[in-house]
């Protein structure tokens, strides 16, 4: 994926997305290495510049991962007026990448939507090896027109 999206957004949006990506993917990789699993989670950059995890109620760790992702997105949509960027992480099987990957869905209120995939492999001893980050255009969820957001 090229960095052409950077040409269309502010420097602040670039910093927001870079920081969210680095923090969230680092956390995700650490969770896999330490615990052998990664539960879906979300992190947002509030309009005041602070980072905050999205917490969802009513679902436990045994819930279907897709339901957890949906709950995180729904909470971010509910709070979209007070956030300017979000990242949603999940552990997935990516056939196109040949196995497991951490999927990061990034979104910024300036209209940037990016899907990132960090492929990984692990052996019987629990050692994780991470591949090269792969990116593609993503879909708007938090600031999608049908979600009621105007992107600003």
N, C-alpha and C. Protein backbone atom coordinates (compact mmCIF):
# COMPACT_ATOMS: atom_id res chain seq x y z
N UNK A 1 0.85 -1.19 0.00
CA UNK A 1 0.00 0.00 0.00
C UNK A 1 0.88 1.24 0.00
N UNK A 2 0.53 2.18 -0.80
CA UNK A 2 1.30 3.42 -0.84
C UNK A 2 0.80 4.36 0.25
N UNK A 3 1.56 5.41 0.48
CA UNK A 3 1.18 6.41 1.47
C UNK A 3 0.38 7.54 0.83
N UNK A 4 -0.25 7.32 -0.34
CA UNK A 4 -0.94 8.39 -1.03
C UNK A 4 -2.07 9.00 -0.19
N UNK A 5 -2.62 8.24 0.75
CA UNK A 5 -3.66 8.78 1.61
C UNK A 5 -3.15 9.97 2.40
N UNK A 6 -1.85 10.00 2.64
CA UNK A 6 -1.25 11.10 3.42
C UNK A 6 -1.37 12.44 2.70
N UNK A 7 -1.47 12.41 1.37
CA UNK A 7 -1.58 13.64 0.60
C UNK A 7 -2.92 14.34 0.81
N UNK A 8 -3.91 13.60 1.30
CA UNK A 8 -5.27 14.14 1.37
C UNK A 8 -5.74 14.47 2.78
N UNK A 9 -4.85 14.32 3.77
CA UNK A 9 -5.26 14.58 5.15
C UNK A 9 -4.25 15.49 5.84
N UNK A 10 -4.66 16.02 6.97
CA UNK A 10 -3.80 16.91 7.74
C UNK A 10 -2.64 16.13 8.36
N UNK A 11 -1.63 16.88 8.78
CA UNK A 11 -0.51 16.27 9.49
C UNK A 11 -0.99 15.63 10.79
N UNK A 12 -1.97 16.25 11.45
CA UNK A 12 -2.50 15.69 12.69
C UNK A 12 -3.15 14.33 12.45
N UNK A 13 -3.90 14.20 11.36
CA UNK A 13 -4.52 12.91 11.04
C UNK A 13 -3.45 11.85 10.80
N UNK A 14 -2.37 12.22 10.13
CA UNK A 14 -1.27 11.28 9.89
C UNK A 14 -0.66 10.82 11.21
N UNK A 15 -0.42 11.76 12.11
CA UNK A 15 0.14 11.43 13.42
C UNK A 15 -0.82 10.54 14.20
N UNK A 16 -2.11 10.90 14.19
CA UNK A 16 -3.12 10.09 14.90
C UNK A 16 -3.08 8.64 14.43
N UNK A 17 -3.11 8.44 13.13
CA UNK A 17 -3.17 7.08 12.58
C UNK A 17 -1.86 6.33 12.79
N UNK A 18 -0.74 7.03 12.65
CA UNK A 18 0.55 6.37 12.89
C UNK A 18 0.67 5.91 14.34
N UNK A 19 0.29 6.78 15.28
CA UNK A 19 0.40 6.43 16.69
C UNK A 19 -0.56 5.30 17.06
N UNK A 20 -1.79 5.36 16.58
CA UNK A 20 -2.74 4.28 16.86
C UNK A 20 -2.24 2.96 16.30
N UNK A 21 -1.71 2.99 15.09
CA UNK A 21 -1.20 1.77 14.47
C UNK A 21 -0.06 1.18 15.27
N UNK A 22 0.92 2.01 15.60
CA UNK A 22 2.08 1.51 16.34
C UNK A 22 1.70 0.96 17.71
N UNK A 23 0.88 1.68 18.43
CA UNK A 23 0.46 1.22 19.77
C UNK A 23 -0.38 -0.05 19.70
N UNK A 24 -1.38 -0.04 18.85
CA UNK A 24 -2.30 -1.18 18.80
C UNK A 24 -1.63 -2.44 18.27
N UNK A 25 -0.87 -2.33 17.19
CA UNK A 25 -0.20 -3.52 16.66
C UNK A 25 0.86 -4.04 17.63
N UNK A 26 1.55 -3.14 18.29
CA UNK A 26 2.52 -3.56 19.31
C UNK A 26 1.83 -4.30 20.44
N UNK A 27 0.71 -3.77 20.91
CA UNK A 27 -0.05 -4.42 21.96
C UNK A 27 -0.56 -5.78 21.50
N UNK A 28 -1.09 -5.83 20.28
CA UNK A 28 -1.61 -7.09 19.75
C UNK A 28 -0.54 -8.16 19.66
N UNK A 29 0.63 -7.79 19.15
CA UNK A 29 1.73 -8.74 19.05
C UNK A 29 2.17 -9.21 20.43
N UNK A 30 2.24 -8.30 21.39
CA UNK A 30 2.61 -8.67 22.75
C UNK A 30 1.59 -9.61 23.38
N UNK A 31 0.30 -9.37 23.13
CA UNK A 31 -0.74 -10.25 23.67
C UNK A 31 -0.59 -11.67 23.12
N UNK A 32 -0.34 -11.76 21.82
CA UNK A 32 -0.14 -13.09 21.23
C UNK A 32 1.06 -13.79 21.84
N UNK A 33 2.17 -13.07 21.95
CA UNK A 33 3.39 -13.69 22.48
C UNK A 33 3.24 -14.06 23.95
N UNK A 34 2.56 -13.25 24.73
CA UNK A 34 2.44 -13.50 26.17
C UNK A 34 1.34 -14.50 26.51
N UNK A 35 0.23 -14.48 25.75
CA UNK A 35 -0.94 -15.26 26.13
C UNK A 35 -1.39 -16.27 25.07
N UNK A 36 -0.80 -16.19 23.88
CA UNK A 36 -1.19 -17.11 22.82
C UNK A 36 -2.53 -16.80 22.19
N UNK A 37 -3.08 -15.63 22.50
CA UNK A 37 -4.35 -15.23 21.90
C UNK A 37 -4.46 -13.71 21.93
N UNK A 38 -5.32 -13.21 21.08
CA UNK A 38 -5.61 -11.78 21.01
C UNK A 38 -7.11 -11.62 20.92
N UNK A 39 -7.70 -11.09 21.96
CA UNK A 39 -9.13 -10.79 21.93
C UNK A 39 -9.33 -9.46 21.19
N UNK A 40 -10.40 -9.33 20.43
CA UNK A 40 -10.66 -8.07 19.73
C UNK A 40 -10.68 -6.89 20.71
N UNK A 41 -10.09 -5.80 20.28
CA UNK A 41 -10.14 -4.58 21.09
C UNK A 41 -10.06 -3.37 20.18
N UNK A 42 -10.36 -2.22 20.75
CA UNK A 42 -10.34 -0.97 20.00
C UNK A 42 -9.68 0.12 20.83
N UNK A 43 -9.05 1.02 20.13
CA UNK A 43 -8.40 2.17 20.73
C UNK A 43 -8.79 3.40 19.93
N UNK A 44 -9.08 4.50 20.61
CA UNK A 44 -9.48 5.72 19.92
C UNK A 44 -8.60 6.90 20.35
N UNK A 45 -8.53 7.87 19.47
CA UNK A 45 -7.92 9.16 19.79
C UNK A 45 -9.09 10.11 19.95
N UNK A 46 -9.27 10.62 21.17
CA UNK A 46 -10.36 11.56 21.44
C UNK A 46 -10.04 12.91 20.79
N UNK A 47 -11.05 13.76 20.69
CA UNK A 47 -10.84 15.08 20.10
C UNK A 47 -9.91 15.95 20.93
N UNK A 48 -9.76 15.63 22.24
CA UNK A 48 -8.81 16.37 23.07
C UNK A 48 -7.39 15.83 22.95
N UNK A 49 -7.19 14.84 22.10
CA UNK A 49 -5.86 14.30 21.85
C UNK A 49 -5.48 13.08 22.67
N UNK A 50 -6.27 12.75 23.69
CA UNK A 50 -5.96 11.61 24.55
C UNK A 50 -6.33 10.30 23.86
N UNK A 51 -5.54 9.26 24.17
CA UNK A 51 -5.84 7.91 23.71
C UNK A 51 -6.69 7.21 24.76
N UNK A 52 -7.62 6.38 24.28
CA UNK A 52 -8.51 5.69 25.21
C UNK A 52 -8.96 4.37 24.58
N UNK A 53 -8.94 3.29 25.36
CA UNK A 53 -9.51 2.04 24.84
C UNK A 53 -11.03 2.14 24.82
N UNK A 54 -11.64 1.47 23.88
CA UNK A 54 -13.10 1.36 23.85
C UNK A 54 -13.48 0.17 24.72
N UNK A 55 -14.31 0.39 25.69
CA UNK A 55 -14.79 -0.68 26.55
C UNK A 55 -16.25 -0.96 26.21
N UNK A 56 -16.56 -2.23 26.09
CA UNK A 56 -17.95 -2.61 25.80
C UNK A 56 -18.49 -3.42 26.96
N UNK A 57 -19.75 -3.22 27.24
CA UNK A 57 -20.39 -3.92 28.35
C UNK A 57 -21.36 -4.94 27.79
N UNK A 58 -21.62 -5.96 28.57
CA UNK A 58 -22.62 -6.94 28.18
C UNK A 58 -22.08 -8.12 27.41
N UNK A 59 -20.80 -8.10 27.05
CA UNK A 59 -20.17 -9.23 26.37
C UNK A 59 -18.97 -9.67 27.18
N UNK A 60 -18.77 -10.97 27.27
CA UNK A 60 -17.60 -11.45 27.99
C UNK A 60 -16.56 -11.97 27.01
N UNK A 61 -15.43 -12.40 27.56
CA UNK A 61 -14.32 -12.85 26.73
C UNK A 61 -14.66 -14.10 25.92
N UNK A 62 -15.73 -14.81 26.30
CA UNK A 62 -16.14 -16.00 25.56
C UNK A 62 -17.07 -15.68 24.40
N UNK A 63 -17.42 -14.42 24.23
CA UNK A 63 -18.31 -14.01 23.15
C UNK A 63 -17.63 -14.26 21.81
N UNK A 64 -18.44 -14.41 20.78
CA UNK A 64 -17.91 -14.58 19.43
C UNK A 64 -17.06 -13.36 19.07
N UNK A 65 -15.85 -13.58 18.53
CA UNK A 65 -14.98 -12.43 18.19
C UNK A 65 -15.65 -11.41 17.26
N UNK A 66 -16.44 -11.88 16.32
CA UNK A 66 -17.14 -10.95 15.43
C UNK A 66 -18.10 -10.07 16.20
N UNK A 67 -18.77 -10.64 17.22
CA UNK A 67 -19.67 -9.85 18.05
C UNK A 67 -18.90 -8.80 18.85
N UNK A 68 -17.70 -9.17 19.32
CA UNK A 68 -16.88 -8.21 20.06
C UNK A 68 -16.46 -7.05 19.15
N UNK A 69 -16.04 -7.36 17.92
CA UNK A 69 -15.65 -6.31 16.97
C UNK A 69 -16.85 -5.40 16.71
N UNK A 70 -18.01 -6.00 16.43
CA UNK A 70 -19.22 -5.21 16.17
C UNK A 70 -19.57 -4.31 17.35
N UNK A 71 -19.41 -4.82 18.56
CA UNK A 71 -19.72 -4.03 19.76
C UNK A 71 -18.75 -2.86 19.90
N UNK A 72 -17.48 -3.08 19.60
CA UNK A 72 -16.50 -1.98 19.65
C UNK A 72 -16.83 -0.92 18.60
N UNK A 73 -17.17 -1.35 17.40
CA UNK A 73 -17.53 -0.39 16.35
C UNK A 73 -18.77 0.39 16.76
N UNK A 74 -19.78 -0.30 17.27
CA UNK A 74 -21.02 0.38 17.68
C UNK A 74 -20.75 1.42 18.76
N UNK A 75 -19.87 1.10 19.69
CA UNK A 75 -19.54 2.06 20.75
C UNK A 75 -18.79 3.27 20.17
N UNK A 76 -17.89 3.03 19.22
CA UNK A 76 -17.19 4.15 18.58
C UNK A 76 -18.16 5.01 17.78
N UNK A 77 -19.12 4.40 17.08
CA UNK A 77 -20.13 5.16 16.35
C UNK A 77 -20.92 6.03 17.32
N UNK A 78 -21.31 5.46 18.45
CA UNK A 78 -22.06 6.20 19.45
C UNK A 78 -21.27 7.42 19.95
N UNK A 79 -19.95 7.28 20.02
CA UNK A 79 -19.10 8.34 20.57
C UNK A 79 -18.38 9.15 19.50
N UNK A 80 -18.76 9.03 18.24
CA UNK A 80 -17.97 9.61 17.14
C UNK A 80 -17.79 11.13 17.24
N UNK A 81 -18.68 11.82 17.92
CA UNK A 81 -18.53 13.27 18.05
C UNK A 81 -17.39 13.64 18.98
N UNK A 82 -16.96 12.72 19.84
CA UNK A 82 -15.89 13.01 20.79
C UNK A 82 -14.57 12.32 20.44
N UNK A 83 -14.52 11.67 19.28
CA UNK A 83 -13.27 11.03 18.85
C UNK A 83 -12.92 11.49 17.45
N UNK A 84 -11.62 11.41 17.14
CA UNK A 84 -11.20 11.79 15.79
C UNK A 84 -10.56 10.65 15.02
N UNK A 85 -10.22 9.55 15.70
CA UNK A 85 -9.64 8.40 15.02
C UNK A 85 -9.89 7.15 15.85
N UNK A 86 -9.92 6.00 15.15
CA UNK A 86 -10.15 4.73 15.84
C UNK A 86 -9.39 3.62 15.13
N UNK A 87 -9.03 2.59 15.90
CA UNK A 87 -8.44 1.39 15.34
C UNK A 87 -9.10 0.20 16.04
N UNK A 88 -9.46 -0.80 15.23
CA UNK A 88 -10.11 -2.01 15.72
C UNK A 88 -9.23 -3.19 15.37
N UNK A 89 -8.79 -3.93 16.38
CA UNK A 89 -7.91 -5.08 16.15
C UNK A 89 -8.64 -6.39 16.41
N UNK A 90 -8.28 -7.39 15.60
CA UNK A 90 -8.81 -8.74 15.78
C UNK A 90 -7.81 -9.73 15.22
N UNK A 91 -7.80 -10.91 15.81
CA UNK A 91 -6.99 -12.02 15.33
C UNK A 91 -7.84 -12.79 14.33
N UNK A 92 -7.36 -12.92 13.10
CA UNK A 92 -8.16 -13.55 12.05
C UNK A 92 -7.35 -14.60 11.31
N UNK A 93 -8.04 -15.42 10.56
CA UNK A 93 -7.40 -16.29 9.58
C UNK A 93 -7.57 -15.61 8.23
N UNK A 94 -6.47 -15.31 7.58
CA UNK A 94 -6.49 -14.59 6.31
C UNK A 94 -6.00 -15.53 5.21
N UNK A 95 -6.94 -16.15 4.52
CA UNK A 95 -6.59 -17.11 3.46
C UNK A 95 -5.67 -16.47 2.43
N UNK A 96 -5.93 -15.21 2.07
CA UNK A 96 -5.12 -14.54 1.05
C UNK A 96 -3.68 -14.32 1.51
N UNK A 97 -3.45 -14.37 2.83
CA UNK A 97 -2.10 -14.20 3.35
C UNK A 97 -1.49 -15.54 3.77
N UNK A 98 -2.25 -16.60 3.61
CA UNK A 98 -1.73 -17.92 3.90
C UNK A 98 -1.78 -18.35 5.34
N UNK A 99 -2.62 -17.72 6.15
CA UNK A 99 -2.71 -18.15 7.55
C UNK A 99 -3.26 -17.08 8.46
N UNK A 100 -2.75 -17.06 9.68
CA UNK A 100 -3.25 -16.15 10.71
C UNK A 100 -2.65 -14.75 10.55
N UNK A 101 -3.41 -13.75 11.02
CA UNK A 101 -2.94 -12.36 10.95
C UNK A 101 -3.67 -11.54 12.01
N UNK A 102 -3.02 -10.48 12.43
CA UNK A 102 -3.69 -9.45 13.21
C UNK A 102 -4.27 -8.48 12.19
N UNK A 103 -5.59 -8.26 12.25
CA UNK A 103 -6.23 -7.30 11.35
C UNK A 103 -6.47 -6.01 12.13
N UNK A 104 -6.05 -4.90 11.55
CA UNK A 104 -6.27 -3.58 12.15
C UNK A 104 -7.07 -2.74 11.17
N UNK A 105 -8.24 -2.32 11.60
CA UNK A 105 -9.07 -1.45 10.78
C UNK A 105 -8.95 -0.04 11.35
N UNK A 106 -8.36 0.84 10.56
CA UNK A 106 -8.11 2.23 10.97
C UNK A 106 -9.12 3.15 10.32
N UNK A 107 -9.53 4.14 11.08
CA UNK A 107 -10.47 5.11 10.54
C UNK A 107 -10.20 6.47 11.17
N UNK A 108 -10.29 7.51 10.35
CA UNK A 108 -10.13 8.88 10.84
C UNK A 108 -11.29 9.72 10.35
N UNK A 109 -11.69 10.67 11.17
CA UNK A 109 -12.84 11.50 10.80
C UNK A 109 -12.58 12.35 9.57
N UNK A 110 -11.31 12.49 9.14
CA UNK A 110 -11.00 13.22 7.91
C UNK A 110 -11.24 12.37 6.66
N UNK A 111 -11.71 11.15 6.84
CA UNK A 111 -12.09 10.33 5.69
C UNK A 111 -11.13 9.22 5.32
N UNK A 112 -10.12 8.97 6.13
CA UNK A 112 -9.18 7.88 5.85
C UNK A 112 -9.71 6.58 6.45
N UNK A 113 -9.70 5.52 5.64
CA UNK A 113 -10.11 4.19 6.08
C UNK A 113 -9.10 3.21 5.52
N UNK A 114 -8.39 2.52 6.41
CA UNK A 114 -7.31 1.62 6.00
C UNK A 114 -7.48 0.29 6.72
N UNK A 115 -7.28 -0.79 5.99
CA UNK A 115 -7.23 -2.13 6.59
C UNK A 115 -5.79 -2.60 6.54
N UNK A 116 -5.25 -2.97 7.69
CA UNK A 116 -3.88 -3.48 7.78
C UNK A 116 -3.91 -4.92 8.27
N UNK A 117 -2.98 -5.71 7.76
CA UNK A 117 -2.87 -7.11 8.16
C UNK A 117 -1.42 -7.41 8.50
N UNK A 118 -1.21 -7.92 9.71
CA UNK A 118 0.12 -8.33 10.15
C UNK A 118 0.11 -9.86 10.27
N UNK A 119 0.59 -10.55 9.22
CA UNK A 119 0.58 -12.01 9.27
C UNK A 119 1.57 -12.53 10.31
N UNK A 120 1.25 -13.70 10.85
CA UNK A 120 2.16 -14.31 11.81
C UNK A 120 2.07 -15.82 11.74
N UNK A 121 3.10 -16.44 12.25
CA UNK A 121 3.14 -17.90 12.42
C UNK A 121 3.64 -18.17 13.82
N UNK A 122 3.29 -19.34 14.33
CA UNK A 122 3.82 -19.73 15.64
C UNK A 122 4.11 -21.22 15.62
N UNK A 123 5.10 -21.60 16.42
CA UNK A 123 5.49 -23.00 16.49
C UNK A 123 4.96 -23.64 17.77
N UNK A 124 5.27 -24.92 17.96
CA UNK A 124 4.77 -25.64 19.13
C UNK A 124 5.28 -25.06 20.44
N UNK A 125 6.44 -24.42 20.42
CA UNK A 125 6.99 -23.83 21.64
C UNK A 125 6.34 -22.48 21.97
N UNK A 126 5.46 -22.00 21.10
CA UNK A 126 4.80 -20.73 21.34
C UNK A 126 5.58 -19.52 20.87
N UNK A 127 6.57 -19.74 20.02
CA UNK A 127 7.33 -18.62 19.46
C UNK A 127 6.58 -18.06 18.26
N UNK A 128 6.37 -16.76 18.27
CA UNK A 128 5.65 -16.09 17.18
C UNK A 128 6.64 -15.37 16.27
N UNK A 129 6.40 -15.51 14.98
CA UNK A 129 7.17 -14.82 13.96
C UNK A 129 6.19 -13.99 13.14
N UNK A 130 6.47 -12.70 13.04
CA UNK A 130 5.56 -11.79 12.33
C UNK A 130 6.11 -11.46 10.96
N UNK A 131 5.22 -11.42 9.99
CA UNK A 131 5.59 -11.11 8.61
C UNK A 131 5.53 -9.62 8.35
N UNK A 132 5.49 -9.29 7.08
CA UNK A 132 5.45 -7.90 6.65
C UNK A 132 4.02 -7.38 6.67
N UNK A 133 3.86 -6.16 7.16
CA UNK A 133 2.55 -5.52 7.24
C UNK A 133 2.01 -5.28 5.83
N UNK A 134 0.75 -5.66 5.63
CA UNK A 134 0.09 -5.50 4.34
C UNK A 134 -1.10 -4.56 4.54
N UNK A 135 -1.28 -3.61 3.64
CA UNK A 135 -2.38 -2.67 3.76
C UNK A 135 -3.23 -2.59 2.52
N UNK A 136 -4.46 -2.17 2.72
CA UNK A 136 -5.39 -1.95 1.61
C UNK A 136 -6.42 -0.92 2.06
N UNK A 137 -7.16 -0.37 1.11
CA UNK A 137 -8.22 0.56 1.51
C UNK A 137 -9.23 -0.15 2.41
N UNK A 138 -9.72 0.57 3.39
CA UNK A 138 -10.72 0.02 4.29
C UNK A 138 -12.09 0.63 4.02
N UNK A 139 -13.05 0.20 4.80
CA UNK A 139 -14.42 0.71 4.69
C UNK A 139 -14.75 1.58 5.89
N UNK A 140 -15.45 2.67 5.64
CA UNK A 140 -15.89 3.54 6.74
C UNK A 140 -16.95 2.82 7.56
N UNK A 141 -16.77 2.85 8.86
CA UNK A 141 -17.77 2.29 9.77
C UNK A 141 -18.21 3.36 10.77
N UNK A 142 -17.24 4.00 11.40
CA UNK A 142 -17.57 5.01 12.42
C UNK A 142 -18.14 6.26 11.77
N UNK A 143 -17.52 6.70 10.70
CA UNK A 143 -17.97 7.92 10.03
C UNK A 143 -18.61 7.60 8.69
N UNK A 144 -19.22 6.46 8.57
CA UNK A 144 -19.96 6.11 7.35
C UNK A 144 -21.18 7.02 7.24
N UNK A 145 -21.57 7.36 6.04
CA UNK A 145 -22.70 8.28 5.86
C UNK A 145 -23.98 7.73 6.48
N UNK A 146 -24.17 6.39 6.44
CA UNK A 146 -25.38 5.83 7.03
C UNK A 146 -25.30 5.75 8.55
N UNK A 147 -24.09 6.01 9.12
CA UNK A 147 -23.96 6.01 10.58
C UNK A 147 -24.32 7.39 11.15
N UNK A 148 -24.59 8.35 10.26
CA UNK A 148 -25.00 9.66 10.71
C UNK A 148 -23.86 10.65 10.87
N UNK A 149 -22.61 10.20 10.65
CA UNK A 149 -21.46 11.10 10.76
C UNK A 149 -21.28 11.88 9.48
N UNK A 150 -20.71 13.05 9.60
CA UNK A 150 -20.46 13.85 8.40
C UNK A 150 -18.99 13.90 8.05
N UNK A 151 -18.18 13.17 8.78
CA UNK A 151 -16.75 13.14 8.48
C UNK A 151 -15.99 14.31 9.04
N UNK A 152 -16.68 15.24 9.66
CA UNK A 152 -15.99 16.41 10.22
C UNK A 152 -16.19 16.49 11.69
